[in-house]
Amino acid sequence: MLDSLGSRVVILIGLVIATVGYYLMHQVTGSRTFFYVAGALIGLGLSVPSGSSLRYIMLNEVSAAERATTQGW
């Protein structure tokens, strides 16, 4: 997905999913299922920018000589 859409689009999609989850969490009025769906959206949305996609983006932005240092951070 990163190669076809680009890194900015993927990060934005993840943040939009998390934002929708936070909004739904704000609207919870006692429904346990609604709470679980909102929590799942928050988790999915936050896992996009903090997961392997961020490491993949960093590795593609640096030169080949600096990749080992980049992975160490």
PDB file of N, CA and C in Angstrom:
ATOM      1  N   MET A   1       0.817  -1.184   0.000  1.00  0.00           N
ATOM      2  CA  MET A   1       0.000   0.000   0.000  1.00  0.00           C
ATOM      3  C   MET A   1       0.866   1.255   0.000  1.00  0.00           C
ATOM      4  N   LEU A   2       1.998   1.185   0.693  1.00  0.00           N
ATOM      5  CA  LEU A   2       2.894   2.343   0.715  1.00  0.00           C
ATOM      6  C   LEU A   2       3.455   2.642  -0.668  1.00  0.00           C
ATOM      7  N   ASP A   3       3.806   1.600  -1.388  1.00  0.00           N
ATOM      8  CA  ASP A   3       4.377   1.822  -2.717  1.00  0.00           C
ATOM      9  C   ASP A   3       3.349   2.363  -3.709  1.00  0.00           C
ATOM     10  N   SER A   4       2.118   1.926  -3.600  1.00  0.00           N
ATOM     11  CA  SER A   4       1.122   2.355  -4.581  1.00  0.00           C
ATOM     12  C   SER A   4       0.495   3.703  -4.234  1.00  0.00           C
ATOM     13  N   LEU A   5       0.248   3.969  -2.953  1.00  0.00           N
ATOM     14  CA  LEU A   5      -0.417   5.221  -2.562  1.00  0.00           C
ATOM     15  C   LEU A   5       0.541   6.321  -2.118  1.00  0.00           C
ATOM     16  N   GLY A   6       1.660   5.932  -1.554  1.00  0.00           N
ATOM     17  CA  GLY A   6       2.588   6.920  -1.030  1.00  0.00           C
ATOM     18  C   GLY A   6       2.480   7.000   0.490  1.00  0.00           C
ATOM     19  N   SER A   7       3.542   7.438   1.108  1.00  0.00           N
ATOM     20  CA  SER A   7       3.602   7.424   2.569  1.00  0.00           C
ATOM     21  C   SER A   7       2.665   8.435   3.215  1.00  0.00           C
ATOM     22  N   ARG A   8       2.520   9.588   2.643  1.00  0.00           N
ATOM     23  CA  ARG A   8       1.649  10.609   3.246  1.00  0.00           C
ATOM     24  C   ARG A   8       0.195  10.160   3.277  1.00  0.00           C
ATOM     25  N   VAL A   9      -0.249   9.543   2.211  1.00  0.00           N
ATOM     26  CA  VAL A   9      -1.639   9.096   2.139  1.00  0.00           C
ATOM     27  C   VAL A   9      -1.898   8.003   3.186  1.00  0.00           C
ATOM     28  N   VAL A  10      -0.967   7.069   3.326  1.00  0.00           N
ATOM     29  CA  VAL A  10      -1.146   5.982   4.285  1.00  0.00           C
ATOM     30  C   VAL A  10      -1.175   6.514   5.713  1.00  0.00           C
ATOM     31  N   ILE A  11      -0.291   7.432   6.043  1.00  0.00           N
ATOM     32  CA  ILE A  11      -0.270   8.024   7.386  1.00  0.00           C
ATOM     33  C   ILE A  11      -1.562   8.799   7.623  1.00  0.00           C
ATOM     34  N   LEU A  12      -2.017   9.551   6.637  1.00  0.00           N
ATOM     35  CA  LEU A  12      -3.266  10.299   6.791  1.00  0.00           C
ATOM     36  C   LEU A  12      -4.477   9.381   6.959  1.00  0.00           C
ATOM     37  N   ILE A  13      -4.508   8.281   6.234  1.00  0.00           N
ATOM     38  CA  ILE A  13      -5.607   7.328   6.394  1.00  0.00           C
ATOM     39  C   ILE A  13      -5.632   6.778   7.816  1.00  0.00           C
ATOM     40  N   GLY A  14      -4.469   6.431   8.337  1.00  0.00           N
ATOM     41  CA  GLY A  14      -4.401   5.934   9.707  1.00  0.00           C
ATOM     42  C   GLY A  14      -4.862   6.963  10.726  1.00  0.00           C
ATOM     43  N   LEU A  15      -4.465   8.189  10.543  1.00  0.00           N
ATOM     44  CA  LEU A  15      -4.870   9.230  11.480  1.00  0.00           C
ATOM     45  C   LEU A  15      -6.354   9.551  11.373  1.00  0.00           C
ATOM     46  N   VAL A  16      -6.913   9.462  10.169  1.00  0.00           N
ATOM     47  CA  VAL A  16      -8.354   9.673  10.004  1.00  0.00           C
ATOM     48  C   VAL A  16      -9.139   8.546  10.684  1.00  0.00           C
ATOM     49  N   ILE A  17      -8.669   7.311  10.548  1.00  0.00           N
ATOM     50  CA  ILE A  17      -9.336   6.188  11.214  1.00  0.00           C
ATOM     51  C   ILE A  17      -9.302   6.370  12.723  1.00  0.00           C
ATOM     52  N   ALA A  18      -8.149   6.792  13.261  1.00  0.00           N
ATOM     53  CA  ALA A  18      -8.051   7.026  14.707  1.00  0.00           C
ATOM     54  C   ALA A  18      -8.960   8.166  15.133  1.00  0.00           C
ATOM     55  N   THR A  19      -9.043   9.215  14.335  1.00  0.00           N
ATOM     56  CA  THR A  19      -9.913  10.345  14.664  1.00  0.00           C
ATOM     57  C   THR A  19     -11.372   9.922  14.695  1.00  0.00           C
ATOM     58  N   VAL A  20     -11.781   9.100  13.736  1.00  0.00           N
ATOM     59  CA  VAL A  20     -13.153   8.589  13.728  1.00  0.00           C
ATOM     60  C   VAL A  20     -13.396   7.743  14.974  1.00  0.00           C
ATOM     61  N   GLY A  21     -12.425   6.939  15.354  1.00  0.00           N
ATOM     62  CA  GLY A  21     -12.555   6.138  16.566  1.00  0.00           C
ATOM     63  C   GLY A  21     -12.683   6.991  17.812  1.00  0.00           C
ATOM     64  N   TYR A  22     -11.893   8.051  17.907  1.00  0.00           N
ATOM     65  CA  TYR A  22     -11.995   8.956  19.058  1.00  0.00           C
ATOM     66  C   TYR A  22     -13.347   9.668  19.076  1.00  0.00           C
ATOM     67  N   TYR A  23     -13.838  10.048  17.916  1.00  0.00           N
ATOM     68  CA  TYR A  23     -15.140  10.699  17.860  1.00  0.00           C
ATOM     69  C   TYR A  23     -16.245   9.735  18.304  1.00  0.00           C
ATOM     70  N   LEU A  24     -16.172   8.496  17.823  1.00  0.00           N
ATOM     71  CA  LEU A  24     -17.160   7.506  18.234  1.00  0.00           C
ATOM     72  C   LEU A  24     -17.066   7.210  19.729  1.00  0.00           C
ATOM     73  N   MET A  25     -15.852   7.202  20.255  1.00  0.00           N
ATOM     74  CA  MET A  25     -15.674   6.982  21.694  1.00  0.00           C
ATOM     75  C   MET A  25     -16.320   8.110  22.488  1.00  0.00           C
ATOM     76  N   HIS A  26     -16.260   9.297  21.946  1.00  0.00           N
ATOM     77  CA  HIS A  26     -16.882  10.452  22.604  1.00  0.00           C
ATOM     78  C   HIS A  26     -18.404  10.318  22.605  1.00  0.00           C
ATOM     79  N   GLN A  27     -18.954   9.641  21.597  1.00  0.00           N
ATOM     80  CA  GLN A  27     -20.398   9.513  21.448  1.00  0.00           C
ATOM     81  C   GLN A  27     -20.987   8.286  22.142  1.00  0.00           C
ATOM     82  N   VAL A  28     -20.158   7.474  22.804  1.00  0.00           N
ATOM     83  CA  VAL A  28     -20.636   6.247  23.445  1.00  0.00           C
ATOM     84  C   VAL A  28     -21.637   6.604  24.540  1.00  0.00           C
ATOM     85  N   THR A  29     -22.794   5.943  24.492  1.00  0.00           N
ATOM     86  CA  THR A  29     -23.840   6.223  25.482  1.00  0.00           C
ATOM     87  C   THR A  29     -24.245   4.962  26.241  1.00  0.00           C
ATOM     88  N   GLY A  30     -23.327   4.075  26.464  1.00  0.00           N
ATOM     89  CA  GLY A  30     -23.628   2.887  27.242  1.00  0.00           C
ATOM     90  C   GLY A  30     -23.624   1.597  26.453  1.00  0.00           C
ATOM     91  N   SER A  31     -23.464   1.638  25.162  1.00  0.00           N
ATOM     92  CA  SER A  31     -23.443   0.431  24.348  1.00  0.00           C
ATOM     93  C   SER A  31     -22.039  -0.170  24.360  1.00  0.00           C
ATOM     94  N   ARG A  32     -21.947  -1.375  24.822  1.00  0.00           N
ATOM     95  CA  ARG A  32     -20.644  -2.035  24.912  1.00  0.00           C
ATOM     96  C   ARG A  32     -20.084  -2.334  23.520  1.00  0.00           C
ATOM     97  N   THR A  33     -20.926  -2.735  22.592  1.00  0.00           N
ATOM     98  CA  THR A  33     -20.486  -3.019  21.227  1.00  0.00           C
ATOM     99  C   THR A  33     -19.946  -1.764  20.558  1.00  0.00           C
ATOM    100  N   PHE A  34     -20.638  -0.656  20.747  1.00  0.00           N
ATOM    101  CA  PHE A  34     -20.195   0.627  20.198  1.00  0.00           C
ATOM    102  C   PHE A  34     -18.832   1.010  20.767  1.00  0.00           C
ATOM    103  N   PHE A  35     -18.640   0.741  22.051  1.00  0.00           N
ATOM    104  CA  PHE A  35     -17.365   1.020  22.721  1.00  0.00           C
ATOM    105  C   PHE A  35     -16.250   0.171  22.119  1.00  0.00           C
ATOM    106  N   TYR A  36     -16.526  -1.112  21.871  1.00  0.00           N
ATOM    107  CA  TYR A  36     -15.510  -1.999  21.308  1.00  0.00           C
ATOM    108  C   TYR A  36     -15.152  -1.610  19.872  1.00  0.00           C
ATOM    109  N   VAL A  37     -16.132  -1.215  19.099  1.00  0.00           N
ATOM    110  CA  VAL A  37     -15.869  -0.792  17.724  1.00  0.00           C
ATOM    111  C   VAL A  37     -15.011   0.471  17.718  1.00  0.00           C
ATOM    112  N   ALA A  38     -15.344   1.418  18.578  1.00  0.00           N
ATOM    113  CA  ALA A  38     -14.557   2.649  18.658  1.00  0.00           C
ATOM    114  C   ALA A  38     -13.131   2.346  19.101  1.00  0.00           C
ATOM    115  N   GLY A  39     -12.962   1.459  20.071  1.00  0.00           N
ATOM    116  CA  GLY A  39     -11.623   1.085  20.523  1.00  0.00           C
ATOM    117  C   GLY A  39     -10.815   0.389  19.446  1.00  0.00           C
ATOM    118  N   ALA A  40     -11.480  -0.456  18.662  1.00  0.00           N
ATOM    119  CA  ALA A  40     -10.792  -1.129  17.560  1.00  0.00           C
ATOM    120  C   ALA A  40     -10.350  -0.136  16.492  1.00  0.00           C
ATOM    121  N   LEU A  41     -11.180   0.851  16.205  1.00  0.00           N
ATOM    122  CA  LEU A  41     -10.794   1.873  15.223  1.00  0.00           C
ATOM    123  C   LEU A  41      -9.621   2.707  15.721  1.00  0.00           C
ATOM    124  N   ILE A  42      -9.628   3.032  16.997  1.00  0.00           N
ATOM    125  CA  ILE A  42      -8.508   3.784  17.563  1.00  0.00           C
ATOM    126  C   ILE A  42      -7.223   2.970  17.466  1.00  0.00           C
ATOM    127  N   GLY A  43      -7.294   1.698  17.837  1.00  0.00           N
ATOM    128  CA  GLY A  43      -6.111   0.842  17.762  1.00  0.00           C
ATOM    129  C   GLY A  43      -5.600   0.665  16.351  1.00  0.00           C
ATOM    130  N   LEU A  44      -6.505   0.457  15.420  1.00  0.00           N
ATOM    131  CA  LEU A  44      -6.108   0.305  14.019  1.00  0.00           C
ATOM    132  C   LEU A  44      -5.505   1.598  13.485  1.00  0.00           C
ATOM    133  N   GLY A  45      -6.132   2.707  13.788  1.00  0.00           N
ATOM    134  CA  GLY A  45      -5.637   3.987  13.289  1.00  0.00           C
ATOM    135  C   GLY A  45      -4.279   4.363  13.848  1.00  0.00           C
ATOM    136  N   LEU A  46      -4.039   4.060  15.123  1.00  0.00           N
ATOM    137  CA  LEU A  46      -2.752   4.397  15.721  1.00  0.00           C
ATOM    138  C   LEU A  46      -1.657   3.404  15.355  1.00  0.00           C
ATOM    139  N   SER A  47      -2.039   2.202  14.944  1.00  0.00           N
ATOM    140  CA  SER A  47      -1.019   1.233  14.567  1.00  0.00           C
ATOM    141  C   SER A  47      -0.416   1.533  13.202  1.00  0.00           C
ATOM    142  N   VAL A  48      -1.125   2.263  12.369  1.00  0.00           N
ATOM    143  CA  VAL A  48      -0.603   2.583  11.038  1.00  0.00           C
ATOM    144  C   VAL A  48       0.639   3.473  11.135  1.00  0.00           C
ATOM    145  N   PRO A  49       0.586   4.627  11.817  1.00  0.00           N
ATOM    146  CA  PRO A  49       1.794   5.455  11.848  1.00  0.00           C
ATOM    147  C   PRO A  49       2.874   4.954  12.803  1.00  0.00           C
ATOM    148  N   SER A  50       2.520   4.121  13.761  1.00  0.00           N
ATOM    149  CA  SER A  50       3.536   3.686  14.721  1.00  0.00           C
ATOM    150  C   SER A  50       4.082   2.305  14.413  1.00  0.00           C
ATOM    151  N   GLY A  51       3.582   1.639  13.417  1.00  0.00           N
ATOM    152  CA  GLY A  51       3.996   0.284  13.106  1.00  0.00           C
ATOM    153  C   GLY A  51       5.117   0.229  12.089  1.00  0.00           C
ATOM    154  N   SER A  52       5.122  -0.832  11.344  1.00  0.00           N
ATOM    155  CA  SER A  52       6.202  -1.067  10.392  1.00  0.00           C
ATOM    156  C   SER A  52       6.187  -0.082   9.234  1.00  0.00           C
ATOM    157  N   SER A  53       5.043   0.548   8.965  1.00  0.00           N
ATOM    158  CA  SER A  53       5.004   1.499   7.854  1.00  0.00           C
ATOM    159  C   SER A  53       5.911   2.687   8.109  1.00  0.00           C
ATOM    160  N   LEU A  54       6.011   3.130   9.349  1.00  0.00           N
ATOM    161  CA  LEU A  54       6.892   4.251   9.670  1.00  0.00           C
ATOM    162  C   LEU A  54       8.356   3.863   9.479  1.00  0.00           C
ATOM    163  N   ARG A  55       8.719   2.653   9.862  1.00  0.00           N
ATOM    164  CA  ARG A  55      10.097   2.193   9.651  1.00  0.00           C
ATOM    165  C   ARG A  55      10.405   2.054   8.165  1.00  0.00           C
ATOM    166  N   TYR A  56       9.440   1.585   7.404  1.00  0.00           N
ATOM    167  CA  TYR A  56       9.612   1.451   5.962  1.00  0.00           C
ATOM    168  C   TYR A  56       9.827   2.817   5.319  1.00  0.00           C
ATOM    169  N   ILE A  57       9.070   3.808   5.754  1.00  0.00           N
ATOM    170  CA  ILE A  57       9.219   5.166   5.231  1.00  0.00           C
ATOM    171  C   ILE A  57      10.599   5.709   5.567  1.00  0.00           C
ATOM    172  N   MET A  58      11.040   5.523   6.807  1.00  0.00           N
ATOM    173  CA  MET A  58      12.353   6.039   7.210  1.00  0.00           C
ATOM    174  C   MET A  58      13.463   5.390   6.402  1.00  0.00           C
ATOM    175  N   LEU A  59      13.368   4.087   6.166  1.00  0.00           N
ATOM    176  CA  LEU A  59      14.410   3.408   5.405  1.00  0.00           C
ATOM    177  C   LEU A  59      14.448   3.866   3.952  1.00  0.00           C
ATOM    178  N   ASN A  60      13.330   4.236   3.396  1.00  0.00           N
ATOM    179  CA  ASN A  60      13.318   4.713   2.016  1.00  0.00           C
ATOM    180  C   ASN A  60      13.775   6.156   1.883  1.00  0.00           C
ATOM    181  N   GLU A  61      13.788   6.904   2.959  1.00  0.00           N
ATOM    182  CA  GLU A  61      14.165   8.317   2.895  1.00  0.00           C
ATOM    183  C   GLU A  61      15.659   8.556   3.093  1.00  0.00           C
ATOM    184  N   VAL A  62      16.398   7.570   3.577  1.00  0.00           N
ATOM    185  CA  VAL A  62      17.828   7.757   3.818  1.00  0.00           C
ATOM    186  C   VAL A  62      18.629   7.010   2.762  1.00  0.00           C
ATOM    187  N   SER A  63      19.904   7.345   2.696  1.00  0.00           N
ATOM    188  CA  SER A  63      20.765   6.670   1.727  1.00  0.00           C
ATOM    189  C   SER A  63      21.078   5.251   2.209  1.00  0.00           C
ATOM    190  N   ALA A  64      21.596   4.436   1.314  1.00  0.00           N
ATOM    191  CA  ALA A  64      21.894   3.037   1.646  1.00  0.00           C
ATOM    192  C   ALA A  64      22.945   2.926   2.744  1.00  0.00           C
ATOM    193  N   ALA A  65      23.872   3.875   2.789  1.00  0.00           N
ATOM    194  CA  ALA A  65      24.928   3.833   3.808  1.00  0.00           C
ATOM    195  C   ALA A  65      24.399   4.150   5.206  1.00  0.00           C
ATOM    196  N   GLU A  66      23.292   4.847   5.306  1.00  0.00           N
ATOM    197  CA  GLU A  66      22.762   5.250   6.614  1.00  0.00           C
ATOM    198  C   GLU A  66      21.602   4.375   7.092  1.00  0.00           C
ATOM    199  N   ARG A  67      21.275   3.328   6.390  1.00  0.00           N
ATOM    200  CA  ARG A  67      20.105   2.513   6.752  1.00  0.00           C
ATOM    201  C   ARG A  67      20.286   1.768   8.060  1.00  0.00           C
ATOM    202  N   ALA A  68      21.468   1.278   8.338  1.00  0.00           N
ATOM    203  CA  ALA A  68      21.697   0.549   9.592  1.00  0.00           C
ATOM    204  C   ALA A  68      21.540   1.485  10.789  1.00  0.00           C
ATOM    205  N   THR A  69      22.034   2.714  10.669  1.00  0.00           N
ATOM    206  CA  THR A  69      21.878   3.690  11.733  1.00  0.00           C
ATOM    207  C   THR A  69      20.421   4.068  11.919  1.00  0.00           C
ATOM    208  N   THR A  70      19.711   4.190  10.839  1.00  0.00           N
ATOM    209  CA  THR A  70      18.292   4.542  10.903  1.00  0.00           C
ATOM    210  C   THR A  70      17.487   3.457  11.592  1.00  0.00           C
ATOM    211  N   GLN A  71      17.795   2.193  11.317  1.00  0.00           N
ATOM    212  CA  GLN A  71      17.075   1.109  11.971  1.00  0.00           C
ATOM    213  C   GLN A  71      17.404   1.033  13.455  1.00  0.00           C
ATOM    214  N   GLY A  72      18.547   1.482  13.854  1.00  0.00           N
ATOM    215  CA  GLY A  72      18.931   1.453  15.257  1.00  0.00           C
ATOM    216  C   GLY A  72      18.167   2.456  16.091  1.00  0.00           C
ATOM    217  N   TRP A  73      17.676   3.487  15.505  1.00  0.00           N
ATOM    218  CA  TRP A  73      16.935   4.488  16.270  1.00  0.00           C
ATOM    219  C   TRP A  73      15.575   3.982  16.494  1.00  0.00           C
TER     220      TRP A  73
END
